[in-house]
N, C-alpha and C. Protein backbone atom coordinates (compact mmCIF):
# COMPACT_ATOMS: atom_id res chain seq x y z
N UNK A 1 -4.77 7.68 -7.90
CA UNK A 1 -5.71 8.43 -7.31
C UNK A 1 -5.08 9.76 -7.25
N UNK A 2 -4.01 9.98 -6.50
CA UNK A 2 -3.68 11.30 -6.24
C UNK A 2 -2.18 11.00 -5.64
N UNK A 3 -1.62 12.44 -6.03
CA UNK A 3 -0.16 12.23 -5.26
C UNK A 3 -0.04 13.34 -4.09
N UNK A 4 1.04 13.11 -3.47
CA UNK A 4 1.26 13.54 -2.42
C UNK A 4 2.73 14.14 -2.14
N UNK A 5 2.90 14.85 -1.51
CA UNK A 5 4.55 15.74 -1.29
C UNK A 5 4.74 15.53 0.01
N UNK A 6 5.79 14.71 0.57
CA UNK A 6 5.92 14.67 2.26
C UNK A 6 6.95 15.85 2.21
N UNK A 7 7.24 16.60 3.88
CA UNK A 7 7.96 17.46 4.13
C UNK A 7 9.32 17.42 3.50
N UNK A 8 10.09 16.37 3.56
CA UNK A 8 11.12 16.08 2.93
C UNK A 8 11.10 16.21 1.64
N UNK A 9 10.09 16.92 0.65
CA UNK A 9 10.22 16.34 -0.82
C UNK A 9 9.82 15.56 -1.62
N UNK A 10 9.67 14.19 -0.61
CA UNK A 10 9.52 13.19 -1.07
C UNK A 10 7.69 12.97 -1.82
N UNK A 11 8.06 12.65 -3.17
CA UNK A 11 6.48 12.65 -3.81
C UNK A 11 5.73 10.94 -3.86
N UNK A 12 4.73 10.87 -3.22
CA UNK A 12 4.01 9.49 -3.17
C UNK A 12 2.76 9.49 -4.32
N UNK A 13 2.84 8.62 -4.77
CA UNK A 13 1.57 8.28 -5.89
C UNK A 13 0.87 7.42 -5.14
N UNK A 14 -0.43 7.55 -5.10
CA UNK A 14 -1.36 6.67 -3.97
C UNK A 14 -2.05 6.09 -5.21
N UNK A 15 -2.53 4.87 -4.76
CA UNK A 15 -3.24 3.67 -5.74
C UNK A 15 -4.13 3.20 -4.78
N UNK A 16 -5.66 2.95 -5.22
CA UNK A 16 -6.45 2.71 -4.56
C UNK A 16 -7.24 1.60 -5.34
N UNK A 17 -7.20 0.02 -4.48
CA UNK A 17 -7.39 -1.21 -5.00
C UNK A 17 -8.61 -1.23 -5.48
N UNK A 18 -9.21 -1.64 -6.13
CA UNK A 18 -10.67 -1.57 -6.86
C UNK A 18 -11.60 -2.46 -6.08
N UNK A 19 -10.95 -3.69 -5.50
CA UNK A 19 -12.12 -4.38 -4.34
C UNK A 19 -11.70 -4.10 -2.68
N UNK A 20 -10.49 -3.79 -2.49
CA UNK A 20 -10.65 -3.84 -1.18
C UNK A 20 -10.54 -2.62 -0.85
N UNK A 21 -10.73 -1.60 -1.95
CA UNK A 21 -10.87 0.04 -1.56
C UNK A 21 -9.37 0.40 -0.48
N UNK A 22 -8.59 -0.21 -0.42
CA UNK A 22 -7.44 0.00 0.27
C UNK A 22 -6.23 1.25 -0.49
N UNK A 23 -5.42 1.88 0.16
CA UNK A 23 -4.53 2.33 -0.55
C UNK A 23 -3.19 2.02 -0.57
N UNK A 24 -2.52 2.30 -1.41
CA UNK A 24 -0.96 1.53 -1.63
C UNK A 24 -0.07 2.93 -2.12
N UNK A 25 0.80 3.12 -1.02
CA UNK A 25 1.43 4.42 -1.21
C UNK A 25 2.76 4.27 -1.86
N UNK A 26 3.30 4.68 -3.03
CA UNK A 26 4.43 4.29 -3.53
C UNK A 26 5.53 5.64 -3.75
N UNK A 27 6.14 5.46 -3.34
CA UNK A 27 7.19 6.81 -3.85
C UNK A 27 7.57 6.73 -5.47
N UNK A 28 8.12 7.81 -6.07
CA UNK A 28 8.60 7.63 -7.13
C UNK A 28 10.02 6.57 -7.23
N UNK A 29 10.59 6.72 -6.33
CA UNK A 29 11.82 5.81 -6.14
C UNK A 29 11.50 4.40 -5.61
N UNK A 30 10.52 4.02 -5.59
CA UNK A 30 9.96 2.71 -5.33
C UNK A 30 9.87 2.51 -3.94
N UNK A 31 10.03 3.48 -3.15
CA UNK A 31 9.51 2.60 -1.68
C UNK A 31 8.21 2.70 -1.17
N UNK A 32 7.42 2.19 -0.12
CA UNK A 32 6.29 2.04 0.26
C UNK A 32 6.07 2.72 1.71
N UNK A 33 4.87 3.18 1.73
CA UNK A 33 4.42 4.23 2.63
C UNK A 33 3.32 3.67 3.47
N UNK A 34 2.71 3.97 4.26
CA UNK A 34 1.24 3.95 5.19
C UNK A 34 1.15 5.06 5.45
N UNK A 35 -0.44 5.36 5.59
CA UNK A 35 -0.75 6.44 6.11
C UNK A 35 -1.22 6.04 7.62
N UNK A 36 -0.70 6.70 8.56
CA UNK A 36 -0.72 6.64 10.01
C UNK A 36 -1.35 7.76 10.77
N UNK A 37 -2.57 7.68 11.18
CA UNK A 37 -3.20 8.47 12.34
C UNK A 37 -2.39 8.34 13.72
N UNK A 38 -2.12 9.82 14.11
CA UNK A 38 -1.50 9.35 15.05
C UNK A 38 -2.45 9.68 16.77
N UNK A 39 -3.42 10.20 16.35
CA UNK A 39 -4.74 10.50 17.26
C UNK A 39 -6.15 9.81 17.02
N UNK A 40 -6.91 9.42 18.23
CA UNK A 40 -7.93 8.76 18.16
C UNK A 40 -9.14 9.62 17.28
N UNK A 41 -8.83 10.91 17.33
CA UNK A 41 -9.78 11.82 16.55
C UNK A 41 -9.52 11.97 14.98
N UNK A 42 -8.63 11.25 14.45
CA UNK A 42 -8.15 11.25 13.23
C UNK A 42 -7.93 12.83 12.62
N UNK A 43 -7.45 13.85 13.56
CA UNK A 43 -7.00 14.72 13.08
C UNK A 43 -5.75 14.97 12.94
N UNK A 44 -4.78 14.24 13.32
CA UNK A 44 -3.33 14.25 13.09
C UNK A 44 -3.00 12.95 12.46
N UNK A 45 -2.24 13.11 10.88
CA UNK A 45 -1.86 12.04 10.45
C UNK A 45 -0.17 11.79 9.84
N UNK A 46 0.05 10.97 9.22
CA UNK A 46 1.56 10.96 8.70
C UNK A 46 1.85 10.05 7.76
N UNK A 47 2.82 10.14 6.93
CA UNK A 47 3.15 8.78 6.49
C UNK A 47 4.22 8.38 6.75
N UNK A 48 4.42 6.64 7.06
CA UNK A 48 5.79 6.28 7.43
C UNK A 48 6.26 5.66 6.63
N UNK A 49 7.43 5.26 6.43
CA UNK A 49 8.16 4.01 5.20
C UNK A 49 7.80 2.75 5.38
N UNK A 50 7.25 2.08 4.93
CA UNK A 50 7.54 0.51 5.36
C UNK A 50 8.15 -0.37 4.35
N UNK A 51 8.30 -1.81 4.85
CA UNK A 51 8.68 -2.67 3.72
C UNK A 51 7.34 -2.95 2.49
N UNK A 52 8.12 -3.07 1.32
CA UNK A 52 7.06 -3.38 0.63
C UNK A 52 6.16 -4.55 0.63
N UNK A 53 6.56 -5.42 1.03
CA UNK A 53 5.58 -6.39 0.95
C UNK A 53 4.33 -6.19 2.42
N UNK A 54 4.84 -5.37 3.20
CA UNK A 54 4.03 -5.26 4.29
C UNK A 54 2.73 -4.40 3.76
N UNK A 55 3.10 -3.42 2.81
CA UNK A 55 2.64 -2.55 2.01
C UNK A 55 1.21 -3.30 1.25
N UNK A 56 2.00 -4.53 0.39
CA UNK A 56 1.05 -5.23 -0.31
C UNK A 56 0.37 -5.73 0.35
N UNK A 57 0.32 -6.38 1.52
CA UNK A 57 0.01 -7.62 2.36
C UNK A 57 -1.42 -6.50 3.23
N UNK A 58 -1.15 -5.20 3.18
CA UNK A 58 -2.21 -4.58 3.99
C UNK A 58 -3.19 -4.31 2.54
N UNK A 59 -2.78 -3.67 1.56
CA UNK A 59 -3.94 -3.63 0.51
C UNK A 59 -4.71 -4.65 0.53
N UNK A 60 -4.29 -5.99 0.44
CA UNK A 60 -4.92 -7.38 0.00
C UNK A 60 -5.68 -8.12 1.34
N UNK A 61 -5.63 -7.46 2.43
CA UNK A 61 -5.76 -8.37 3.74
C UNK A 61 -7.37 -8.84 3.54
N UNK A 62 -8.23 -8.07 3.22
CA UNK A 62 -9.62 -8.36 3.26
C UNK A 62 -10.06 -8.72 1.78
N UNK A 63 -9.11 -9.06 0.80
CA UNK A 63 -9.77 -9.01 -0.61
C UNK A 63 -10.46 -10.81 -0.66
N UNK A 64 -9.98 -11.55 -0.20
CA UNK A 64 -10.86 -13.01 -0.15
C UNK A 64 -12.58 -12.85 -0.29
N UNK A 65 -13.28 -11.79 0.27
CA UNK A 65 -14.37 -11.78 0.28
C UNK A 65 -14.99 -11.21 -1.41
N UNK A 66 -13.81 -11.09 -2.12
CA UNK A 66 -14.08 -10.85 -3.25
C UNK A 66 -13.83 -11.99 -4.45
N UNK A 67 -13.43 -13.21 -3.93
CA UNK A 67 -13.31 -14.50 -4.50
C UNK A 67 -12.48 -14.45 -5.76
N UNK A 68 -10.89 -13.82 -5.36
CA UNK A 68 -9.97 -13.97 -6.43
C UNK A 68 -9.90 -14.95 -7.04
N UNK A 69 -9.82 -14.85 -8.13
CA UNK A 69 -9.32 -16.21 -9.28
C UNK A 69 -7.99 -17.09 -8.90
N UNK A 70 -7.70 -18.34 -9.29
CA UNK A 70 -6.55 -18.82 -8.92
C UNK A 70 -5.14 -18.05 -9.56
N UNK A 71 -5.63 -17.16 -10.97
CA UNK A 71 -4.31 -16.26 -11.63
C UNK A 71 -3.96 -14.96 -10.62
N UNK A 72 -5.40 -14.63 -10.15
CA UNK A 72 -4.99 -13.50 -9.27
C UNK A 72 -4.37 -13.80 -7.59
N UNK A 73 -4.23 -14.92 -7.23
CA UNK A 73 -3.67 -15.14 -6.28
C UNK A 73 -2.39 -15.55 -6.66
N UNK A 74 -2.34 -16.41 -7.74
CA UNK A 74 -1.06 -16.53 -8.20
C UNK A 74 -0.06 -15.45 -8.29
N UNK A 75 -0.90 -14.39 -9.03
CA UNK A 75 0.00 -12.95 -9.28
C UNK A 75 0.22 -12.39 -7.77
N UNK A 76 -0.36 -12.15 -6.78
CA UNK A 76 -0.37 -11.85 -5.61
C UNK A 76 1.10 -12.48 -4.66
N UNK A 77 1.20 -13.88 -4.87
CA UNK A 77 2.27 -14.37 -4.25
C UNK A 77 3.53 -14.05 -4.86
N UNK A 78 3.46 -14.01 -6.43
CA UNK A 78 4.59 -13.55 -7.12
C UNK A 78 5.11 -12.33 -6.54
N UNK A 79 4.05 -11.32 -6.50
CA UNK A 79 4.48 -9.80 -6.14
C UNK A 79 4.92 -10.15 -4.80
N UNK A 80 4.37 -10.61 -3.68
CA UNK A 80 5.12 -10.66 -2.77
C UNK A 80 6.52 -11.01 -2.48
N UNK A 81 6.67 -12.14 -3.46
CA UNK A 81 8.04 -12.86 -3.17
C UNK A 81 9.13 -11.80 -3.81
N UNK A 82 8.65 -11.11 -4.88
CA UNK A 82 9.28 -10.13 -5.17
C UNK A 82 9.91 -8.92 -4.42
N UNK A 83 8.61 -8.48 -3.94
CA UNK A 83 8.64 -7.66 -2.70
C UNK A 83 9.89 -7.84 -1.67
N UNK A 84 9.72 -9.18 -1.14
CA UNK A 84 10.44 -9.31 -0.31
C UNK A 84 12.09 -9.59 -0.57
N UNK A 85 12.46 -10.03 -1.98
CA UNK A 85 13.40 -10.27 -2.57
C UNK A 85 14.34 -8.69 -2.65
N UNK A 86 13.72 -7.65 -2.42
CA UNK A 86 14.27 -6.24 -2.46
C UNK A 86 14.97 -5.81 -1.48
């Protein structure tokens, strides 16, 4: 969807899931990030590094409403296993 350059020079690529509409932010080095609001007015936000499996889980948190297929469920389990192994 877009790229972001952090203050330290890290470049992030933002991917949006087509069903959940949630973003997955991944550095070019393979690290995962979360976009975090710092205040209730949503005027101040930043990115923080998170575990890859937590980033994947966040993107797919509400995907049950989309009736994923057995193949899609299996692919998610495999992706989570690989992310945890790193």
